[in-house]
Amino acid sequence: MLGEGSQGKVALCNYADEADKLFAVKVFSHSIEKEDTKERAVRLGHLQNELNILDHLSHSDDKASQQSQFLVKKHFSVRTQDQTAVALDYCSGGELFMFMEAKRKQRKMLTITETQFYASNVLMGLEHLHKKGVVYKDLKPENILIGDDGYAKLTDFGLSYFSSQASSSSNQ
């Protein structure tokens, strides 16, 4: 188990045909004990929103709009009556938050170079989202993962939305 959040659990898995390829699989339950109908609708709306945005980011018709290395990529998803599982890039470096916490426990901080590097990675991820018409609304160290290549990747698009949604809702 890699982690657990309010929306579900994240497990480390591999694909049967590619045993050396690891994925972080987010498993979302469609119903949670002691959850009222409104809470469930909001949570499932965030899940569907995240899936729509991940699909939008991973499908491109032209080379210029390819997936950014600064965003976690969706590989595939499976939906049953009770759960949805989404296979994402596995980022072996974990959360930027945990990296910063480990440094803090050693009475250290991110160096200027590390801060500039991760900040530039995040900005490039945000720039790519902007070009694809996506507004990212949950920027925090817990939603920035460190990939196998050492680069920072944005994750958790449940609160994000398409910029066209913002303009159409503001016109009402």
N, C-alpha and C. Protein backbone atom coordinates (compact mmCIF):
# COMPACT_ATOMS: atom_id res chain seq x y z
N MET A 1 0.85 -1.18 0.00
CA MET A 1 0.00 0.00 0.00
C MET A 1 0.90 1.24 0.00
N LEU A 2 0.69 2.12 -0.97
CA LEU A 2 1.47 3.35 -1.05
C LEU A 2 0.88 4.46 -0.21
N GLY A 3 -0.45 4.45 -0.07
CA GLY A 3 -1.08 5.51 0.70
C GLY A 3 -2.58 5.37 0.72
N GLU A 4 -3.18 6.25 1.51
CA GLU A 4 -4.63 6.25 1.63
C GLU A 4 -5.09 7.68 1.83
N GLY A 5 -6.14 8.04 1.12
CA GLY A 5 -6.68 9.39 1.25
C GLY A 5 -8.17 9.34 1.45
N SER A 6 -8.79 10.51 1.43
CA SER A 6 -10.23 10.59 1.65
C SER A 6 -11.01 9.93 0.51
N GLN A 7 -10.42 9.89 -0.68
CA GLN A 7 -11.10 9.34 -1.85
C GLN A 7 -10.89 7.84 -2.02
N GLY A 8 -9.82 7.29 -1.45
CA GLY A 8 -9.55 5.87 -1.63
C GLY A 8 -8.13 5.52 -1.26
N LYS A 9 -7.69 4.37 -1.76
CA LYS A 9 -6.36 3.85 -1.45
C LYS A 9 -5.51 3.81 -2.71
N VAL A 10 -4.19 3.85 -2.51
CA VAL A 10 -3.25 3.76 -3.62
C VAL A 10 -2.32 2.58 -3.36
N ALA A 11 -2.26 1.66 -4.33
CA ALA A 11 -1.44 0.46 -4.20
C ALA A 11 -0.41 0.41 -5.32
N LEU A 12 0.71 -0.22 -5.05
CA LEU A 12 1.75 -0.43 -6.05
C LEU A 12 1.44 -1.74 -6.77
N CYS A 13 1.36 -1.69 -8.10
CA CYS A 13 1.01 -2.87 -8.89
C CYS A 13 1.88 -2.93 -10.14
N ASN A 14 1.92 -4.12 -10.73
CA ASN A 14 2.58 -4.24 -12.02
C ASN A 14 1.62 -4.88 -13.01
N TYR A 15 1.88 -4.68 -14.27
CA TYR A 15 1.04 -5.20 -15.34
C TYR A 15 1.56 -6.58 -15.70
N ALA A 16 0.67 -7.56 -15.85
CA ALA A 16 1.07 -8.95 -16.08
C ALA A 16 2.00 -9.10 -17.29
N ASP A 17 1.76 -8.35 -18.35
CA ASP A 17 2.58 -8.47 -19.56
C ASP A 17 3.92 -7.75 -19.45
N GLU A 18 4.02 -6.83 -18.50
CA GLU A 18 5.25 -6.07 -18.30
C GLU A 18 5.59 -6.06 -16.81
N ALA A 19 6.12 -7.16 -16.32
CA ALA A 19 6.35 -7.32 -14.88
C ALA A 19 7.27 -6.24 -14.31
N ASP A 20 8.14 -5.66 -15.14
CA ASP A 20 9.06 -4.65 -14.64
C ASP A 20 8.45 -3.25 -14.63
N LYS A 21 7.27 -3.08 -15.21
CA LYS A 21 6.60 -1.78 -15.25
C LYS A 21 5.66 -1.65 -14.05
N LEU A 22 5.94 -0.67 -13.18
CA LEU A 22 5.14 -0.46 -11.98
C LEU A 22 4.16 0.69 -12.17
N PHE A 23 3.01 0.54 -11.55
CA PHE A 23 1.96 1.56 -11.58
C PHE A 23 1.51 1.87 -10.17
N ALA A 24 1.07 3.08 -9.95
CA ALA A 24 0.36 3.44 -8.72
C ALA A 24 -1.11 3.34 -9.08
N VAL A 25 -1.82 2.43 -8.45
CA VAL A 25 -3.23 2.23 -8.76
C VAL A 25 -4.09 2.83 -7.65
N LYS A 26 -4.85 3.87 -8.02
CA LYS A 26 -5.78 4.50 -7.09
C LYS A 26 -7.10 3.75 -7.18
N VAL A 27 -7.58 3.28 -6.04
CA VAL A 27 -8.84 2.55 -5.99
C VAL A 27 -9.86 3.39 -5.25
N PHE A 28 -10.92 3.76 -5.94
CA PHE A 28 -11.99 4.59 -5.39
C PHE A 28 -13.21 3.71 -5.15
N SER A 29 -13.72 3.72 -3.94
CA SER A 29 -14.96 3.02 -3.63
C SER A 29 -16.13 3.91 -4.05
N HIS A 30 -17.16 3.31 -4.63
CA HIS A 30 -18.31 4.10 -5.05
C HIS A 30 -19.24 4.45 -3.90
N SER A 31 -19.11 3.74 -2.79
CA SER A 31 -19.90 4.11 -1.61
C SER A 31 -19.04 3.91 -0.36
N ILE A 32 -19.16 4.85 0.55
CA ILE A 32 -18.40 4.82 1.80
C ILE A 32 -19.40 4.82 2.95
N GLU A 33 -19.11 3.99 3.95
CA GLU A 33 -19.98 3.90 5.12
C GLU A 33 -20.16 5.28 5.75
N LYS A 34 -21.35 5.55 6.22
CA LYS A 34 -21.70 6.81 6.90
C LYS A 34 -21.57 8.03 5.99
N GLU A 35 -21.73 7.83 4.69
CA GLU A 35 -21.65 8.94 3.75
C GLU A 35 -23.05 9.24 3.23
N ASP A 36 -23.46 10.51 3.33
CA ASP A 36 -24.80 10.83 2.84
C ASP A 36 -24.79 10.98 1.31
N THR A 37 -25.96 11.06 0.74
CA THR A 37 -26.13 11.09 -0.72
C THR A 37 -25.41 12.27 -1.36
N LYS A 38 -25.48 13.43 -0.72
CA LYS A 38 -24.84 14.63 -1.28
C LYS A 38 -23.31 14.48 -1.28
N GLU A 39 -22.75 14.00 -0.16
CA GLU A 39 -21.30 13.78 -0.08
C GLU A 39 -20.84 12.79 -1.15
N ARG A 40 -21.62 11.73 -1.32
CA ARG A 40 -21.28 10.71 -2.31
C ARG A 40 -21.30 11.31 -3.71
N ALA A 41 -22.31 12.11 -4.01
CA ALA A 41 -22.41 12.73 -5.33
C ALA A 41 -21.23 13.65 -5.60
N VAL A 42 -20.82 14.42 -4.60
CA VAL A 42 -19.67 15.33 -4.76
C VAL A 42 -18.40 14.52 -4.98
N ARG A 43 -18.19 13.49 -4.17
CA ARG A 43 -16.98 12.66 -4.28
C ARG A 43 -16.91 11.96 -5.63
N LEU A 44 -18.02 11.38 -6.07
CA LEU A 44 -18.03 10.70 -7.37
C LEU A 44 -17.90 11.70 -8.52
N GLY A 45 -18.39 12.92 -8.31
CA GLY A 45 -18.19 13.98 -9.30
C GLY A 45 -16.73 14.33 -9.45
N HIS A 46 -16.01 14.40 -8.32
CA HIS A 46 -14.56 14.66 -8.37
C HIS A 46 -13.83 13.53 -9.08
N LEU A 47 -14.24 12.29 -8.82
CA LEU A 47 -13.63 11.14 -9.48
C LEU A 47 -13.85 11.22 -10.99
N GLN A 48 -15.08 11.45 -11.41
CA GLN A 48 -15.37 11.53 -12.84
C GLN A 48 -14.62 12.69 -13.48
N ASN A 49 -14.54 13.80 -12.77
CA ASN A 49 -13.82 14.97 -13.25
C ASN A 49 -12.34 14.64 -13.45
N GLU A 50 -11.74 13.96 -12.47
CA GLU A 50 -10.33 13.58 -12.58
C GLU A 50 -10.12 12.66 -13.77
N LEU A 51 -10.99 11.69 -13.96
CA LEU A 51 -10.86 10.78 -15.10
C LEU A 51 -10.99 11.53 -16.42
N ASN A 52 -11.93 12.45 -16.51
CA ASN A 52 -12.11 13.24 -17.74
C ASN A 52 -10.86 14.06 -18.05
N ILE A 53 -10.29 14.68 -17.03
CA ILE A 53 -9.10 15.51 -17.25
C ILE A 53 -7.91 14.65 -17.61
N LEU A 54 -7.71 13.53 -16.92
CA LEU A 54 -6.60 12.64 -17.26
C LEU A 54 -6.73 12.11 -18.69
N ASP A 55 -7.95 11.77 -19.10
CA ASP A 55 -8.17 11.33 -20.48
C ASP A 55 -7.84 12.45 -21.46
N HIS A 56 -8.30 13.65 -21.16
CA HIS A 56 -8.04 14.82 -22.01
C HIS A 56 -6.53 15.07 -22.15
N LEU A 57 -5.81 14.94 -21.06
CA LEU A 57 -4.37 15.20 -21.08
C LEU A 57 -3.60 14.12 -21.83
N SER A 58 -4.09 12.88 -21.81
CA SER A 58 -3.33 11.79 -22.42
C SER A 58 -3.68 11.57 -23.89
N HIS A 59 -4.77 12.16 -24.37
CA HIS A 59 -5.14 12.00 -25.78
C HIS A 59 -4.84 13.29 -26.53
N SER A 60 -3.98 13.16 -27.54
CA SER A 60 -3.65 14.34 -28.34
C SER A 60 -3.58 13.96 -29.80
N ASP A 61 -3.97 14.89 -30.64
CA ASP A 61 -3.94 14.66 -32.08
C ASP A 61 -2.66 15.17 -32.72
N ASP A 62 -2.00 16.08 -32.05
CA ASP A 62 -0.79 16.65 -32.64
C ASP A 62 0.38 16.51 -31.67
N LYS A 63 1.57 16.51 -32.24
CA LYS A 63 2.79 16.30 -31.45
C LYS A 63 3.00 17.40 -30.41
N ALA A 64 2.56 18.61 -30.71
CA ALA A 64 2.78 19.75 -29.81
C ALA A 64 2.03 19.60 -28.49
N SER A 65 0.95 18.82 -28.49
CA SER A 65 0.17 18.71 -27.26
C SER A 65 0.34 17.36 -26.57
N GLN A 66 1.52 16.77 -26.71
CA GLN A 66 1.80 15.50 -26.05
C GLN A 66 1.76 15.66 -24.53
N GLN A 67 1.64 14.53 -23.85
CA GLN A 67 1.62 14.51 -22.39
C GLN A 67 2.90 15.14 -21.84
N SER A 68 2.76 15.95 -20.82
CA SER A 68 3.90 16.60 -20.19
C SER A 68 4.58 15.65 -19.21
N GLN A 69 5.90 15.71 -19.15
CA GLN A 69 6.63 14.90 -18.17
C GLN A 69 6.43 15.43 -16.76
N PHE A 70 5.77 16.57 -16.61
CA PHE A 70 5.56 17.19 -15.31
C PHE A 70 4.15 16.94 -14.76
N LEU A 71 3.44 16.01 -15.40
CA LEU A 71 2.11 15.61 -14.95
C LEU A 71 2.06 14.10 -14.86
N VAL A 72 1.42 13.58 -13.82
CA VAL A 72 1.25 12.14 -13.70
C VAL A 72 0.33 11.67 -14.82
N LYS A 73 0.72 10.60 -15.47
CA LYS A 73 -0.01 10.08 -16.62
C LYS A 73 -0.92 8.92 -16.22
N LYS A 74 -2.13 8.92 -16.78
CA LYS A 74 -3.05 7.79 -16.62
C LYS A 74 -2.74 6.76 -17.70
N HIS A 75 -2.57 5.50 -17.29
CA HIS A 75 -2.30 4.44 -18.25
C HIS A 75 -3.59 3.71 -18.65
N PHE A 76 -4.42 3.39 -17.67
CA PHE A 76 -5.71 2.78 -17.95
C PHE A 76 -6.56 2.82 -16.69
N SER A 77 -7.85 2.56 -16.85
CA SER A 77 -8.74 2.49 -15.69
C SER A 77 -9.72 1.35 -15.88
N VAL A 78 -10.22 0.86 -14.75
CA VAL A 78 -11.20 -0.23 -14.74
C VAL A 78 -12.30 0.17 -13.78
N ARG A 79 -13.54 -0.02 -14.22
CA ARG A 79 -14.68 0.34 -13.36
C ARG A 79 -15.56 -0.89 -13.16
N THR A 80 -15.91 -1.13 -11.90
CA THR A 80 -16.88 -2.17 -11.56
C THR A 80 -18.08 -1.47 -10.93
N GLN A 81 -19.04 -2.24 -10.49
CA GLN A 81 -20.22 -1.65 -9.85
C GLN A 81 -19.84 -0.95 -8.56
N ASP A 82 -18.83 -1.47 -7.84
CA ASP A 82 -18.48 -0.95 -6.52
C ASP A 82 -17.26 -0.04 -6.48
N GLN A 83 -16.37 -0.17 -7.47
CA GLN A 83 -15.10 0.55 -7.42
C GLN A 83 -14.64 1.00 -8.80
N THR A 84 -13.76 2.00 -8.78
CA THR A 84 -13.03 2.40 -9.97
C THR A 84 -11.55 2.36 -9.61
N ALA A 85 -10.74 1.73 -10.46
CA ALA A 85 -9.30 1.68 -10.26
C ALA A 85 -8.62 2.38 -11.43
N VAL A 86 -7.67 3.25 -11.11
CA VAL A 86 -6.98 4.03 -12.13
C VAL A 86 -5.48 3.78 -11.99
N ALA A 87 -4.86 3.28 -13.07
CA ALA A 87 -3.42 3.03 -13.07
C ALA A 87 -2.69 4.28 -13.55
N LEU A 88 -1.85 4.82 -12.68
CA LEU A 88 -1.10 6.05 -12.95
C LEU A 88 0.39 5.76 -12.91
N ASP A 89 1.19 6.72 -13.37
CA ASP A 89 2.64 6.61 -13.23
C ASP A 89 2.98 6.34 -11.77
N TYR A 90 3.89 5.41 -11.53
CA TYR A 90 4.42 5.22 -10.19
C TYR A 90 5.61 6.16 -10.05
N CYS A 91 5.58 6.99 -9.04
CA CYS A 91 6.66 7.95 -8.79
C CYS A 91 7.41 7.51 -7.54
N SER A 92 8.55 6.88 -7.76
CA SER A 92 9.28 6.24 -6.66
C SER A 92 9.80 7.21 -5.62
N GLY A 93 9.91 8.49 -5.97
CA GLY A 93 10.38 9.48 -5.01
C GLY A 93 9.33 9.92 -4.01
N GLY A 94 8.08 9.52 -4.23
CA GLY A 94 7.00 9.87 -3.31
C GLY A 94 6.59 11.33 -3.41
N GLU A 95 5.89 11.78 -2.37
CA GLU A 95 5.39 13.15 -2.33
C GLU A 95 6.50 14.14 -2.01
N LEU A 96 6.44 15.30 -2.62
CA LEU A 96 7.37 16.38 -2.28
C LEU A 96 7.22 16.72 -0.79
N PHE A 97 6.00 16.65 -0.28
CA PHE A 97 5.75 16.92 1.14
C PHE A 97 6.60 16.01 2.03
N MET A 98 6.61 14.71 1.73
CA MET A 98 7.38 13.75 2.54
C MET A 98 8.88 13.99 2.40
N PHE A 99 9.32 14.38 1.20
CA PHE A 99 10.73 14.70 0.98
C PHE A 99 11.12 15.90 1.84
N MET A 100 10.26 16.91 1.87
CA MET A 100 10.52 18.10 2.69
C MET A 100 10.48 17.76 4.18
N GLU A 101 9.55 16.90 4.59
CA GLU A 101 9.46 16.48 5.99
C GLU A 101 10.71 15.72 6.43
N ALA A 102 11.22 14.84 5.56
CA ALA A 102 12.43 14.09 5.88
C ALA A 102 13.61 15.05 6.08
N LYS A 103 13.69 16.06 5.24
CA LYS A 103 14.75 17.06 5.39
C LYS A 103 14.58 17.82 6.70
N ARG A 104 13.32 18.20 7.01
CA ARG A 104 13.05 18.96 8.23
C ARG A 104 13.46 18.16 9.47
N LYS A 105 13.19 16.86 9.46
CA LYS A 105 13.55 16.00 10.60
C LYS A 105 15.06 15.92 10.78
N GLN A 106 15.80 16.14 9.70
CA GLN A 106 17.27 16.17 9.77
C GLN A 106 17.77 17.59 10.03
N ARG A 107 16.82 18.49 10.33
CA ARG A 107 17.12 19.90 10.56
C ARG A 107 17.75 20.55 9.32
N LYS A 108 17.23 20.15 8.17
CA LYS A 108 17.68 20.71 6.90
C LYS A 108 16.48 21.27 6.16
N MET A 109 16.76 22.02 5.12
CA MET A 109 15.71 22.56 4.25
C MET A 109 16.08 22.23 2.81
N LEU A 110 15.13 22.43 1.91
CA LEU A 110 15.46 22.31 0.50
C LEU A 110 16.50 23.38 0.19
N THR A 111 17.48 23.03 -0.60
CA THR A 111 18.47 24.02 -1.01
C THR A 111 17.81 24.97 -2.03
N ILE A 112 18.46 26.08 -2.28
CA ILE A 112 17.96 27.01 -3.29
C ILE A 112 17.85 26.31 -4.64
N THR A 113 18.85 25.51 -4.98
CA THR A 113 18.85 24.79 -6.26
C THR A 113 17.68 23.81 -6.33
N GLU A 114 17.44 23.05 -5.26
CA GLU A 114 16.31 22.11 -5.24
C GLU A 114 14.98 22.86 -5.36
N THR A 115 14.87 23.95 -4.62
CA THR A 115 13.64 24.75 -4.66
C THR A 115 13.38 25.28 -6.06
N GLN A 116 14.40 25.82 -6.70
CA GLN A 116 14.26 26.34 -8.06
C GLN A 116 13.89 25.22 -9.04
N PHE A 117 14.53 24.07 -8.87
CA PHE A 117 14.28 22.93 -9.76
C PHE A 117 12.83 22.46 -9.65
N TYR A 118 12.37 22.20 -8.43
CA TYR A 118 11.00 21.72 -8.25
C TYR A 118 9.97 22.79 -8.63
N ALA A 119 10.26 24.04 -8.31
CA ALA A 119 9.34 25.13 -8.68
C ALA A 119 9.22 25.23 -10.20
N SER A 120 10.34 25.10 -10.90
CA SER A 120 10.28 25.18 -12.37
C SER A 120 9.53 23.98 -12.95
N ASN A 121 9.69 22.80 -12.35
CA ASN A 121 8.93 21.62 -12.80
C ASN A 121 7.43 21.86 -12.64
N VAL A 122 7.04 22.38 -11.48
CA VAL A 122 5.63 22.65 -11.21
C VAL A 122 5.09 23.69 -12.19
N LEU A 123 5.86 24.75 -12.42
CA LEU A 123 5.42 25.79 -13.36
C LEU A 123 5.27 25.24 -14.77
N MET A 124 6.16 24.34 -15.18
CA MET A 124 6.03 23.75 -16.52
C MET A 124 4.80 22.85 -16.60
N GLY A 125 4.51 22.13 -15.51
CA GLY A 125 3.28 21.33 -15.47
C GLY A 125 2.05 22.21 -15.55
N LEU A 126 2.04 23.31 -14.79
CA LEU A 126 0.91 24.25 -14.83
C LEU A 126 0.77 24.89 -16.20
N GLU A 127 1.89 25.21 -16.83
CA GLU A 127 1.84 25.79 -18.18
C GLU A 127 1.20 24.81 -19.16
N HIS A 128 1.57 23.54 -19.06
CA HIS A 128 0.99 22.53 -19.95
C HIS A 128 -0.52 22.42 -19.72
N LEU A 129 -0.92 22.40 -18.46
CA LEU A 129 -2.35 22.35 -18.14
C LEU A 129 -3.08 23.55 -18.74
N HIS A 130 -2.48 24.73 -18.59
CA HIS A 130 -3.09 25.95 -19.11
C HIS A 130 -3.27 25.85 -20.63
N LYS A 131 -2.25 25.35 -21.32
CA LYS A 131 -2.33 25.20 -22.78
C LYS A 131 -3.42 24.21 -23.18
N LYS A 132 -3.68 23.23 -22.32
CA LYS A 132 -4.71 22.23 -22.60
C LYS A 132 -6.08 22.65 -22.07
N GLY A 133 -6.16 23.87 -21.52
CA GLY A 133 -7.45 24.39 -21.05
C GLY A 133 -7.89 23.85 -19.71
N VAL A 134 -6.94 23.45 -18.87
CA VAL A 134 -7.27 22.89 -17.56
C VAL A 134 -6.81 23.84 -16.46
N VAL A 135 -7.68 24.09 -15.50
CA VAL A 135 -7.36 24.90 -14.32
C VAL A 135 -7.13 23.94 -13.16
N TYR A 136 -5.93 23.99 -12.58
CA TYR A 136 -5.54 23.09 -11.48
C TYR A 136 -5.79 23.81 -10.16
N LYS A 137 -6.59 23.21 -9.28
CA LYS A 137 -7.03 23.92 -8.07
C LYS A 137 -6.54 23.31 -6.77
N ASP A 138 -5.60 22.38 -6.81
CA ASP A 138 -5.21 21.71 -5.57
C ASP A 138 -3.69 21.63 -5.42
N LEU A 139 -3.04 22.77 -5.64
CA LEU A 139 -1.58 22.80 -5.59
C LEU A 139 -1.10 22.82 -4.14
N LYS A 140 -0.41 21.75 -3.75
CA LYS A 140 0.18 21.62 -2.42
C LYS A 140 1.25 20.54 -2.51
N PRO A 141 2.22 20.54 -1.60
CA PRO A 141 3.32 19.57 -1.68
C PRO A 141 2.86 18.11 -1.70
N GLU A 142 1.71 17.81 -1.11
CA GLU A 142 1.19 16.44 -1.11
C GLU A 142 0.75 16.00 -2.50
N ASN A 143 0.48 16.94 -3.39
CA ASN A 143 0.03 16.63 -4.75
C ASN A 143 1.13 16.83 -5.79
N ILE A 144 2.36 16.87 -5.32
CA ILE A 144 3.52 16.94 -6.21
C ILE A 144 4.35 15.70 -5.91
N LEU A 145 4.49 14.84 -6.91
CA LEU A 145 5.23 13.59 -6.74
C LEU A 145 6.58 13.69 -7.43
N ILE A 146 7.56 12.97 -6.88
CA ILE A 146 8.90 12.94 -7.48
C ILE A 146 9.01 11.64 -8.28
N GLY A 147 9.17 11.79 -9.58
CA GLY A 147 9.24 10.63 -10.47
C GLY A 147 10.57 9.91 -10.40
N ASP A 148 10.61 8.77 -11.08
CA ASP A 148 11.84 7.97 -11.13
C ASP A 148 13.00 8.77 -11.72
N ASP A 149 12.68 9.73 -12.58
CA ASP A 149 13.70 10.56 -13.23
C ASP A 149 14.12 11.75 -12.37
N GLY A 150 13.50 11.90 -11.18
CA GLY A 150 13.84 13.00 -10.28
C GLY A 150 13.01 14.26 -10.50
N TYR A 151 12.22 14.28 -11.56
CA TYR A 151 11.40 15.46 -11.84
C TYR A 151 10.10 15.43 -11.04
N ALA A 152 9.59 16.61 -10.73
CA ALA A 152 8.32 16.75 -10.02
C ALA A 152 7.17 16.62 -11.00
N LYS A 153 6.10 15.94 -10.56
CA LYS A 153 4.91 15.75 -11.39
C LYS A 153 3.68 16.11 -10.57
N LEU A 154 2.78 16.88 -11.17
CA LEU A 154 1.51 17.20 -10.52
C LEU A 154 0.58 16.00 -10.59
N THR A 155 -0.17 15.78 -9.52
CA THR A 155 -1.15 14.70 -9.47
C THR A 155 -2.41 15.20 -8.79
N ASP A 156 -3.43 14.40 -8.79
CA ASP A 156 -4.72 14.66 -8.14
C ASP A 156 -5.46 15.81 -8.83
N PHE A 157 -6.21 15.45 -9.86
CA PHE A 157 -6.92 16.43 -10.68
C PHE A 157 -8.42 16.49 -10.36
N GLY A 158 -8.82 15.95 -9.21
CA GLY A 158 -10.23 15.88 -8.85
C GLY A 158 -10.91 17.23 -8.71
N LEU A 159 -10.18 18.25 -8.27
CA LEU A 159 -10.75 19.59 -8.11
C LEU A 159 -10.52 20.48 -9.33
N SER A 160 -9.76 19.98 -10.28
CA SER A 160 -9.46 20.75 -11.49
C SER A 160 -10.69 20.84 -12.38
N TYR A 161 -10.66 21.77 -13.31
CA TYR A 161 -11.76 21.89 -14.26
C TYR A 161 -11.24 22.48 -15.56
N PHE A 162 -12.04 22.33 -16.61
CA PHE A 162 -11.70 22.90 -17.90
C PHE A 162 -12.02 24.39 -17.88
N SER A 163 -11.15 25.22 -18.40
CA SER A 163 -11.36 26.67 -18.36
C SER A 163 -12.65 27.07 -19.07
N SER A 164 -13.10 26.29 -20.03
CA SER A 164 -14.38 26.58 -20.70
C SER A 164 -15.54 26.44 -19.72
N GLN A 165 -15.42 25.58 -18.71
CA GLN A 165 -16.46 25.45 -17.69
C GLN A 165 -16.56 26.73 -16.88
N ALA A 166 -15.43 27.34 -16.59
CA ALA A 166 -15.43 28.57 -15.79
C ALA A 166 -16.10 29.70 -16.55
N SER A 167 -15.77 29.84 -17.84
CA SER A 167 -16.35 30.94 -18.61
C SER A 167 -17.84 30.72 -18.85
N SER A 168 -18.26 29.46 -19.06
CA SER A 168 -19.69 29.22 -19.29
C SER A 168 -20.49 29.39 -18.02
N SER A 169 -19.94 29.02 -16.86
CA SER A 169 -20.68 29.18 -15.61
C SER A 169 -20.71 30.64 -15.17
N SER A 170 -19.72 31.44 -15.55
CA SER A 170 -19.71 32.85 -15.16
C SER A 170 -20.67 33.67 -16.03
N ASN A 171 -21.05 33.13 -17.19
CA ASN A 171 -21.99 33.82 -18.07
C ASN A 171 -23.45 33.59 -17.67
N GLN A 172 -23.68 32.73 -16.71
CA GLN A 172 -25.06 32.41 -16.32
C GLN A 172 -25.57 33.34 -15.27
